[in-house]
Amino acid sequence: MNHSDRSVMYKIRVEGHIRDNWFEGLVVEPHPEGETIISGMMDQAALHGVLSRIRDLGLVLLSVQSHPNEKGNSHE
């Protein structure tokens, strides 16, 4: 299996509160400290698409974390 074919749970933290319909198919969670977490299962292509959308919207990217052991992971 090609490394780019694997889906992993990603949690992407951005500055500010955003509209939940900006990232269809992903969970968008605003946090009281003025940040939003965007999360969901993604392969590398989808992750890069989300990062490009964040850039295009002019959002400030704070962090990207992968959680490879979360349920639904295809690394097994």
C-alpha atoms as a PDB file:
ATOM      1  CA  MET A   1       0.000   0.000   0.000  1.00  0.00           C
ATOM      2  CA  ASN A   2       1.240   3.440  -0.898  1.00  0.00           C
ATOM      3  CA  HIS A   3       1.777   5.702   2.133  1.00  0.00           C
ATOM      4  CA  SER A   4      -0.470   8.374   0.553  1.00  0.00           C
ATOM      5  CA  ASP A   5      -3.386   5.882   0.370  1.00  0.00           C
ATOM      6  CA  ARG A   6      -3.727   5.707   4.165  1.00  0.00           C
ATOM      7  CA  SER A   7      -6.438   7.627   5.990  1.00  0.00           C
ATOM      8  CA  VAL A   8      -5.539   9.048   9.373  1.00  0.00           C
ATOM      9  CA  MET A   9      -7.491  11.122  11.888  1.00  0.00           C
ATOM     10  CA  TYR A  10      -6.207  14.706  11.720  1.00  0.00           C
ATOM     11  CA  LYS A  11      -6.969  17.548  14.083  1.00  0.00           C
ATOM     12  CA  ILE A  12      -6.192  20.950  12.633  1.00  0.00           C
ATOM     13  CA  ARG A  13      -6.267  23.992  14.893  1.00  0.00           C
ATOM     14  CA  VAL A  14      -6.859  27.460  13.423  1.00  0.00           C
ATOM     15  CA  GLU A  15      -7.153  30.905  14.961  1.00  0.00           C
ATOM     16  CA  GLY A  16     -10.639  32.363  15.315  1.00  0.00           C
ATOM     17  CA  HIS A  17     -14.114  30.937  14.922  1.00  0.00           C
ATOM     18  CA  ILE A  18     -15.178  29.786  11.471  1.00  0.00           C
ATOM     19  CA  ARG A  19     -18.383  28.643   9.816  1.00  0.00           C
ATOM     20  CA  ASP A  20     -18.949  24.901  10.032  1.00  0.00           C
ATOM     21  CA  ASN A  21     -20.018  24.706   6.367  1.00  0.00           C
ATOM     22  CA  TRP A  22     -16.573  25.833   5.151  1.00  0.00           C
ATOM     23  CA  PHE A  23     -15.219  22.297   5.571  1.00  0.00           C
ATOM     24  CA  GLU A  24     -17.939  19.876   4.509  1.00  0.00           C
ATOM     25  CA  GLY A  25     -17.495  16.318   5.727  1.00  0.00           C
ATOM     26  CA  LEU A  26     -15.268  17.375   8.623  1.00  0.00           C
ATOM     27  CA  VAL A  27     -16.077  18.200  12.236  1.00  0.00           C
ATOM     28  CA  VAL A  28     -15.686  21.925  13.015  1.00  0.00           C
ATOM     29  CA  GLU A  29     -15.528  22.704  16.752  1.00  0.00           C
ATOM     30  CA  PRO A  30     -15.215  26.302  17.982  1.00  0.00           C
ATOM     31  CA  HIS A  31     -13.427  26.620  21.325  1.00  0.00           C
ATOM     32  CA  PRO A  32     -13.957  29.453  23.835  1.00  0.00           C
ATOM     33  CA  GLU A  33     -10.318  30.545  23.696  1.00  0.00           C
ATOM     34  CA  GLY A  34     -10.897  31.875  20.158  1.00  0.00           C
ATOM     35  CA  GLU A  35      -9.714  28.837  18.208  1.00  0.00           C
ATOM     36  CA  THR A  36     -11.415  26.229  16.065  1.00  0.00           C
ATOM     37  CA  ILE A  37     -10.534  22.541  15.677  1.00  0.00           C
ATOM     38  CA  ILE A  38     -11.224  20.951  12.283  1.00  0.00           C
ATOM     39  CA  SER A  39     -11.033  17.166  12.443  1.00  0.00           C
ATOM     40  CA  GLY A  40     -11.740  14.067  10.410  1.00  0.00           C
ATOM     41  CA  MET A  41     -10.309  11.063   8.604  1.00  0.00           C
ATOM     42  CA  MET A  42      -8.115  12.141   5.679  1.00  0.00           C
ATOM     43  CA  ASP A  43      -5.517  10.725   3.361  1.00  0.00           C
ATOM     44  CA  GLN A  44      -2.561  12.906   2.343  1.00  0.00           C
ATOM     45  CA  ALA A  45      -4.359  14.376  -0.691  1.00  0.00           C
ATOM     46  CA  ALA A  46      -7.377  15.396   1.408  1.00  0.00           C
ATOM     47  CA  LEU A  47      -5.117  16.879   4.097  1.00  0.00           C
ATOM     48  CA  HIS A  48      -3.324  19.024   1.534  1.00  0.00           C
ATOM     49  CA  GLY A  49      -6.702  20.122   0.144  1.00  0.00           C
ATOM     50  CA  VAL A  50      -7.849  21.228   3.608  1.00  0.00           C
ATOM     51  CA  LEU A  51      -4.564  23.058   4.223  1.00  0.00           C
ATOM     52  CA  SER A  52      -4.921  24.830   0.871  1.00  0.00           C
ATOM     53  CA  ARG A  53      -8.484  25.852   1.771  1.00  0.00           C
ATOM     54  CA  ILE A  54      -7.241  27.231   5.108  1.00  0.00           C
ATOM     55  CA  ARG A  55      -4.639  29.269   3.226  1.00  0.00           C
ATOM     56  CA  ASP A  56      -7.159  30.472   0.626  1.00  0.00           C
ATOM     57  CA  LEU A  57      -9.558  31.621   3.374  1.00  0.00           C
ATOM     58  CA  GLY A  58      -6.740  33.592   5.016  1.00  0.00           C
ATOM     59  CA  LEU A  59      -6.995  31.631   8.267  1.00  0.00           C
ATOM     60  CA  VAL A  60      -4.067  31.396  10.676  1.00  0.00           C
ATOM     61  CA  LEU A  61      -2.932  27.779  11.003  1.00  0.00           C
ATOM     62  CA  LEU A  62      -1.897  26.990  14.590  1.00  0.00           C
ATOM     63  CA  SER A  63      -1.237  23.244  14.473  1.00  0.00           C
ATOM     64  CA  VAL A  64      -1.818  19.975  12.632  1.00  0.00           C
ATOM     65  CA  GLN A  65      -1.836  16.733  14.600  1.00  0.00           C
ATOM     66  CA  SER A  66      -2.277  13.211  13.342  1.00  0.00           C
ATOM     67  CA  HIS A  67      -3.864  10.559  15.519  1.00  0.00           C
ATOM     68  CA  PRO A  68      -2.981   7.290  13.737  1.00  0.00           C
ATOM     69  CA  ASN A  69      -4.392   5.004  16.426  1.00  0.00           C
ATOM     70  CA  GLU A  70      -7.941   6.398  16.347  1.00  0.00           C
ATOM     71  CA  LYS A  71     -10.751   4.100  15.215  1.00  0.00           C
ATOM     72  CA  GLY A  72     -11.124   3.866  11.449  1.00  0.00           C
ATOM     73  CA  ASN A  73      -7.424   4.040  10.674  1.00  0.00           C
ATOM     74  CA  SER A  74      -6.336   1.946   7.704  1.00  0.00           C
ATOM     75  CA  HIS A  75      -2.727   1.469   8.896  1.00  0.00           C
ATOM     76  CA  GLU A  76      -3.496  -2.034  10.148  1.00  0.00           C
END
